[in-house]
């Protein structure tokens, strides 16, 4: 897990899940005083953008949501591309 300085109003998180790298940028909107995130997952076929229109009260809430979203995206893509043996 590689996280930038949480004391900043904007920082980057670089992680991986199921051997797929993903990056998220957590950002504080000074106008609304709320946190949001956007990012991408690095699949073999290329980058897959991910974002949400939701806002969060804390940076940790935004981080948790971003991780859950990334993990679900990776699980969905890998499950769809894995052969199912019977």
N, C-alpha and C. Protein backbone atom coordinates (compact mmCIF):
# COMPACT_ATOMS: atom_id res chain seq x y z
N UNK A 1 0.84 -1.17 0.00
CA UNK A 1 0.00 0.00 0.00
C UNK A 1 0.89 1.23 0.00
N UNK A 2 0.64 2.11 -0.95
CA UNK A 2 1.40 3.34 -1.06
C UNK A 2 0.42 4.50 -1.03
N UNK A 3 0.48 5.27 0.06
CA UNK A 3 -0.44 6.40 0.23
C UNK A 3 0.36 7.67 0.38
N UNK A 4 -0.07 8.70 -0.33
CA UNK A 4 0.55 10.00 -0.19
C UNK A 4 0.22 10.60 1.17
N UNK A 5 0.58 11.83 1.37
CA UNK A 5 0.38 12.51 2.64
C UNK A 5 -1.09 12.83 2.86
N UNK A 6 -1.71 12.18 3.85
CA UNK A 6 -3.13 12.39 4.13
C UNK A 6 -3.41 13.82 4.63
N UNK A 7 -2.40 14.52 5.05
CA UNK A 7 -2.60 15.89 5.51
C UNK A 7 -2.87 16.85 4.36
N UNK A 8 -2.59 16.43 3.14
CA UNK A 8 -2.83 17.28 1.98
C UNK A 8 -4.30 17.27 1.58
N UNK A 9 -4.67 18.20 0.75
CA UNK A 9 -6.03 18.27 0.25
C UNK A 9 -6.22 17.37 -0.97
N UNK A 10 -5.12 16.80 -1.44
CA UNK A 10 -5.15 15.88 -2.58
C UNK A 10 -3.98 14.91 -2.42
N UNK A 11 -4.25 13.63 -2.55
CA UNK A 11 -3.17 12.65 -2.48
C UNK A 11 -3.53 11.42 -3.28
N UNK A 12 -2.50 10.62 -3.59
CA UNK A 12 -2.64 9.45 -4.45
C UNK A 12 -2.45 8.17 -3.64
N UNK A 13 -3.24 7.18 -3.97
CA UNK A 13 -3.12 5.85 -3.38
C UNK A 13 -2.80 4.87 -4.51
N UNK A 14 -1.74 4.10 -4.35
CA UNK A 14 -1.36 3.08 -5.34
C UNK A 14 -1.35 1.73 -4.64
N UNK A 15 -2.21 0.83 -5.11
CA UNK A 15 -2.32 -0.49 -4.49
C UNK A 15 -2.57 -1.54 -5.56
N UNK A 16 -2.68 -2.78 -5.12
CA UNK A 16 -3.06 -3.85 -6.04
C UNK A 16 -3.98 -4.81 -5.31
N UNK A 17 -4.74 -5.52 -6.12
CA UNK A 17 -5.69 -6.51 -5.62
C UNK A 17 -5.79 -7.58 -6.68
N UNK A 18 -5.64 -8.84 -6.27
CA UNK A 18 -5.66 -9.96 -7.21
C UNK A 18 -4.68 -9.74 -8.37
N UNK A 19 -3.52 -9.22 -8.03
CA UNK A 19 -2.43 -8.96 -8.98
C UNK A 19 -2.77 -7.93 -10.04
N UNK A 20 -3.72 -7.06 -9.78
CA UNK A 20 -4.07 -5.97 -10.69
C UNK A 20 -3.84 -4.65 -9.95
N UNK A 21 -3.02 -3.80 -10.54
CA UNK A 21 -2.70 -2.52 -9.92
C UNK A 21 -3.85 -1.54 -10.13
N UNK A 22 -4.08 -0.71 -9.12
CA UNK A 22 -5.03 0.38 -9.28
C UNK A 22 -4.51 1.61 -8.56
N UNK A 23 -4.94 2.76 -9.05
CA UNK A 23 -4.51 4.05 -8.51
C UNK A 23 -5.75 4.88 -8.26
N UNK A 24 -5.79 5.54 -7.13
CA UNK A 24 -6.88 6.45 -6.82
C UNK A 24 -6.34 7.78 -6.34
N UNK A 25 -7.01 8.84 -6.69
CA UNK A 25 -6.66 10.18 -6.22
C UNK A 25 -7.81 10.66 -5.35
N UNK A 26 -7.52 10.95 -4.09
CA UNK A 26 -8.50 11.44 -3.14
C UNK A 26 -8.31 12.95 -3.05
N UNK A 27 -9.43 13.68 -3.13
CA UNK A 27 -9.34 15.13 -3.28
C UNK A 27 -10.39 15.81 -2.40
N UNK A 28 -9.98 16.88 -1.71
CA UNK A 28 -10.89 17.69 -0.91
C UNK A 28 -11.37 18.87 -1.75
N UNK A 29 -12.69 19.00 -1.88
CA UNK A 29 -13.29 20.14 -2.56
C UNK A 29 -13.45 21.25 -1.52
N UNK A 30 -12.65 22.29 -1.65
CA UNK A 30 -12.66 23.38 -0.66
C UNK A 30 -14.00 24.10 -0.63
N UNK A 31 -14.68 24.15 -1.76
CA UNK A 31 -15.96 24.85 -1.84
C UNK A 31 -17.04 24.16 -1.00
N UNK A 32 -17.08 22.84 -1.07
CA UNK A 32 -18.10 22.08 -0.34
C UNK A 32 -17.57 21.42 0.93
N UNK A 33 -16.25 21.46 1.10
CA UNK A 33 -15.58 20.82 2.23
C UNK A 33 -15.91 19.33 2.30
N UNK A 34 -15.97 18.68 1.13
CA UNK A 34 -16.24 17.25 1.07
C UNK A 34 -15.16 16.57 0.23
N UNK A 35 -15.00 15.27 0.47
CA UNK A 35 -13.97 14.48 -0.19
C UNK A 35 -14.57 13.66 -1.32
N UNK A 36 -13.80 13.46 -2.36
CA UNK A 36 -14.20 12.63 -3.49
C UNK A 36 -12.97 11.87 -3.99
N UNK A 37 -13.17 10.98 -4.92
CA UNK A 37 -12.05 10.22 -5.48
C UNK A 37 -12.31 9.91 -6.95
N UNK A 38 -11.25 9.60 -7.65
CA UNK A 38 -11.31 9.06 -9.01
C UNK A 38 -10.04 8.24 -9.19
N UNK A 39 -10.04 7.36 -10.18
CA UNK A 39 -8.85 6.53 -10.36
C UNK A 39 -8.98 5.63 -11.57
N UNK A 40 -8.12 4.62 -11.60
CA UNK A 40 -8.15 3.65 -12.69
C UNK A 40 -7.55 2.32 -12.24
N UNK A 41 -7.95 1.26 -12.93
CA UNK A 41 -7.41 -0.08 -12.74
C UNK A 41 -6.61 -0.42 -13.98
N UNK A 42 -5.45 -1.01 -13.79
CA UNK A 42 -4.59 -1.38 -14.91
C UNK A 42 -4.83 -2.85 -15.28
N UNK A 43 -5.69 -3.06 -16.27
CA UNK A 43 -5.92 -4.41 -16.80
C UNK A 43 -4.98 -4.64 -17.96
N UNK A 44 -4.78 -5.89 -18.34
CA UNK A 44 -3.90 -6.21 -19.47
C UNK A 44 -4.36 -5.53 -20.75
N UNK A 45 -5.67 -5.35 -20.89
CA UNK A 45 -6.23 -4.74 -22.10
C UNK A 45 -6.09 -3.22 -22.09
N UNK A 46 -5.69 -2.65 -20.98
CA UNK A 46 -5.56 -1.20 -20.86
C UNK A 46 -6.15 -0.70 -19.55
N UNK A 47 -6.14 0.60 -19.39
CA UNK A 47 -6.64 1.21 -18.17
C UNK A 47 -8.17 1.29 -18.19
N UNK A 48 -8.75 1.05 -17.04
CA UNK A 48 -10.20 1.17 -16.86
C UNK A 48 -10.45 2.28 -15.85
N UNK A 49 -11.06 3.35 -16.29
CA UNK A 49 -11.33 4.49 -15.40
C UNK A 49 -12.42 4.14 -14.40
N UNK A 50 -12.32 4.71 -13.22
CA UNK A 50 -13.35 4.54 -12.21
C UNK A 50 -13.50 5.85 -11.45
N UNK A 51 -14.73 6.15 -11.09
CA UNK A 51 -15.04 7.37 -10.35
C UNK A 51 -16.43 7.24 -9.75
N UNK A 52 -16.79 8.15 -8.89
CA UNK A 52 -18.12 8.18 -8.32
C UNK A 52 -18.57 9.63 -8.21
N UNK A 53 -19.86 9.83 -8.25
CA UNK A 53 -20.42 11.16 -8.05
C UNK A 53 -20.69 11.43 -6.58
N UNK A 54 -20.48 10.44 -5.76
CA UNK A 54 -20.70 10.61 -4.32
C UNK A 54 -19.61 11.48 -3.71
N UNK A 55 -19.95 12.12 -2.61
CA UNK A 55 -18.96 12.85 -1.82
C UNK A 55 -18.99 12.28 -0.41
N UNK A 56 -17.90 12.53 0.32
CA UNK A 56 -17.72 11.91 1.63
C UNK A 56 -17.30 12.95 2.65
N UNK A 57 -17.66 12.72 3.89
CA UNK A 57 -17.34 13.64 4.98
C UNK A 57 -15.87 13.62 5.32
N UNK A 58 -15.25 12.44 5.24
CA UNK A 58 -13.83 12.31 5.57
C UNK A 58 -13.06 11.66 4.42
N UNK A 59 -11.76 11.88 4.44
CA UNK A 59 -10.89 11.26 3.45
C UNK A 59 -10.89 9.74 3.59
N UNK A 60 -10.94 9.24 4.81
CA UNK A 60 -10.95 7.79 5.02
C UNK A 60 -12.20 7.14 4.43
N UNK A 61 -13.34 7.81 4.52
CA UNK A 61 -14.56 7.28 3.91
C UNK A 61 -14.39 7.20 2.39
N UNK A 62 -13.81 8.23 1.81
CA UNK A 62 -13.57 8.23 0.36
C UNK A 62 -12.61 7.11 -0.01
N UNK A 63 -11.54 6.93 0.76
CA UNK A 63 -10.58 5.86 0.50
C UNK A 63 -11.24 4.49 0.57
N UNK A 64 -12.03 4.25 1.61
CA UNK A 64 -12.69 2.96 1.77
C UNK A 64 -13.61 2.67 0.59
N UNK A 65 -14.36 3.67 0.18
CA UNK A 65 -15.27 3.49 -0.95
C UNK A 65 -14.49 3.20 -2.23
N UNK A 66 -13.40 3.92 -2.45
CA UNK A 66 -12.58 3.72 -3.64
C UNK A 66 -12.02 2.29 -3.66
N UNK A 67 -11.53 1.81 -2.53
CA UNK A 67 -10.99 0.45 -2.48
C UNK A 67 -12.07 -0.59 -2.76
N UNK A 68 -13.25 -0.43 -2.15
CA UNK A 68 -14.34 -1.37 -2.39
C UNK A 68 -14.75 -1.37 -3.86
N UNK A 69 -14.81 -0.18 -4.44
CA UNK A 69 -15.18 -0.03 -5.85
C UNK A 69 -14.14 -0.71 -6.73
N UNK A 70 -12.86 -0.47 -6.46
CA UNK A 70 -11.78 -1.07 -7.26
C UNK A 70 -11.80 -2.59 -7.13
N UNK A 71 -11.96 -3.10 -5.93
CA UNK A 71 -11.97 -4.55 -5.72
C UNK A 71 -13.15 -5.19 -6.45
N UNK A 72 -14.32 -4.55 -6.39
CA UNK A 72 -15.49 -5.07 -7.09
C UNK A 72 -15.28 -5.04 -8.61
N UNK A 73 -14.70 -3.97 -9.10
CA UNK A 73 -14.41 -3.85 -10.53
C UNK A 73 -13.46 -4.96 -10.98
N UNK A 74 -12.42 -5.19 -10.22
CA UNK A 74 -11.44 -6.24 -10.54
C UNK A 74 -12.09 -7.61 -10.47
N UNK A 75 -12.85 -7.87 -9.40
CA UNK A 75 -13.53 -9.16 -9.27
C UNK A 75 -14.46 -9.41 -10.46
N UNK A 76 -15.25 -8.39 -10.82
CA UNK A 76 -16.20 -8.54 -11.92
C UNK A 76 -15.47 -8.84 -13.23
N UNK A 77 -14.40 -8.12 -13.51
CA UNK A 77 -13.67 -8.31 -14.77
C UNK A 77 -13.01 -9.69 -14.79
N UNK A 78 -12.36 -10.06 -13.70
CA UNK A 78 -11.66 -11.35 -13.69
C UNK A 78 -12.64 -12.51 -13.72
N UNK A 79 -13.76 -12.40 -13.00
CA UNK A 79 -14.74 -13.47 -13.01
C UNK A 79 -15.36 -13.64 -14.40
N UNK A 80 -15.51 -12.54 -15.12
CA UNK A 80 -16.11 -12.59 -16.46
C UNK A 80 -15.14 -13.18 -17.49
N UNK A 81 -13.83 -13.07 -17.22
CA UNK A 81 -12.84 -13.54 -18.21
C UNK A 81 -12.23 -14.89 -17.84
N UNK A 82 -12.53 -15.40 -16.65
CA UNK A 82 -11.98 -16.69 -16.23
C UNK A 82 -12.84 -17.81 -16.81
N UNK A 83 -12.21 -18.82 -17.38
CA UNK A 83 -13.00 -19.96 -17.87
C UNK A 83 -13.61 -20.71 -16.69
N UNK A 84 -14.83 -21.14 -16.86
CA UNK A 84 -15.52 -21.90 -15.82
C UNK A 84 -15.55 -23.36 -16.23
N UNK A 85 -14.87 -24.21 -15.48
CA UNK A 85 -14.85 -25.64 -15.79
C UNK A 85 -15.98 -26.36 -15.11
N UNK A 86 -16.55 -27.32 -15.83
CA UNK A 86 -17.61 -28.14 -15.26
C UNK A 86 -17.20 -29.58 -15.25
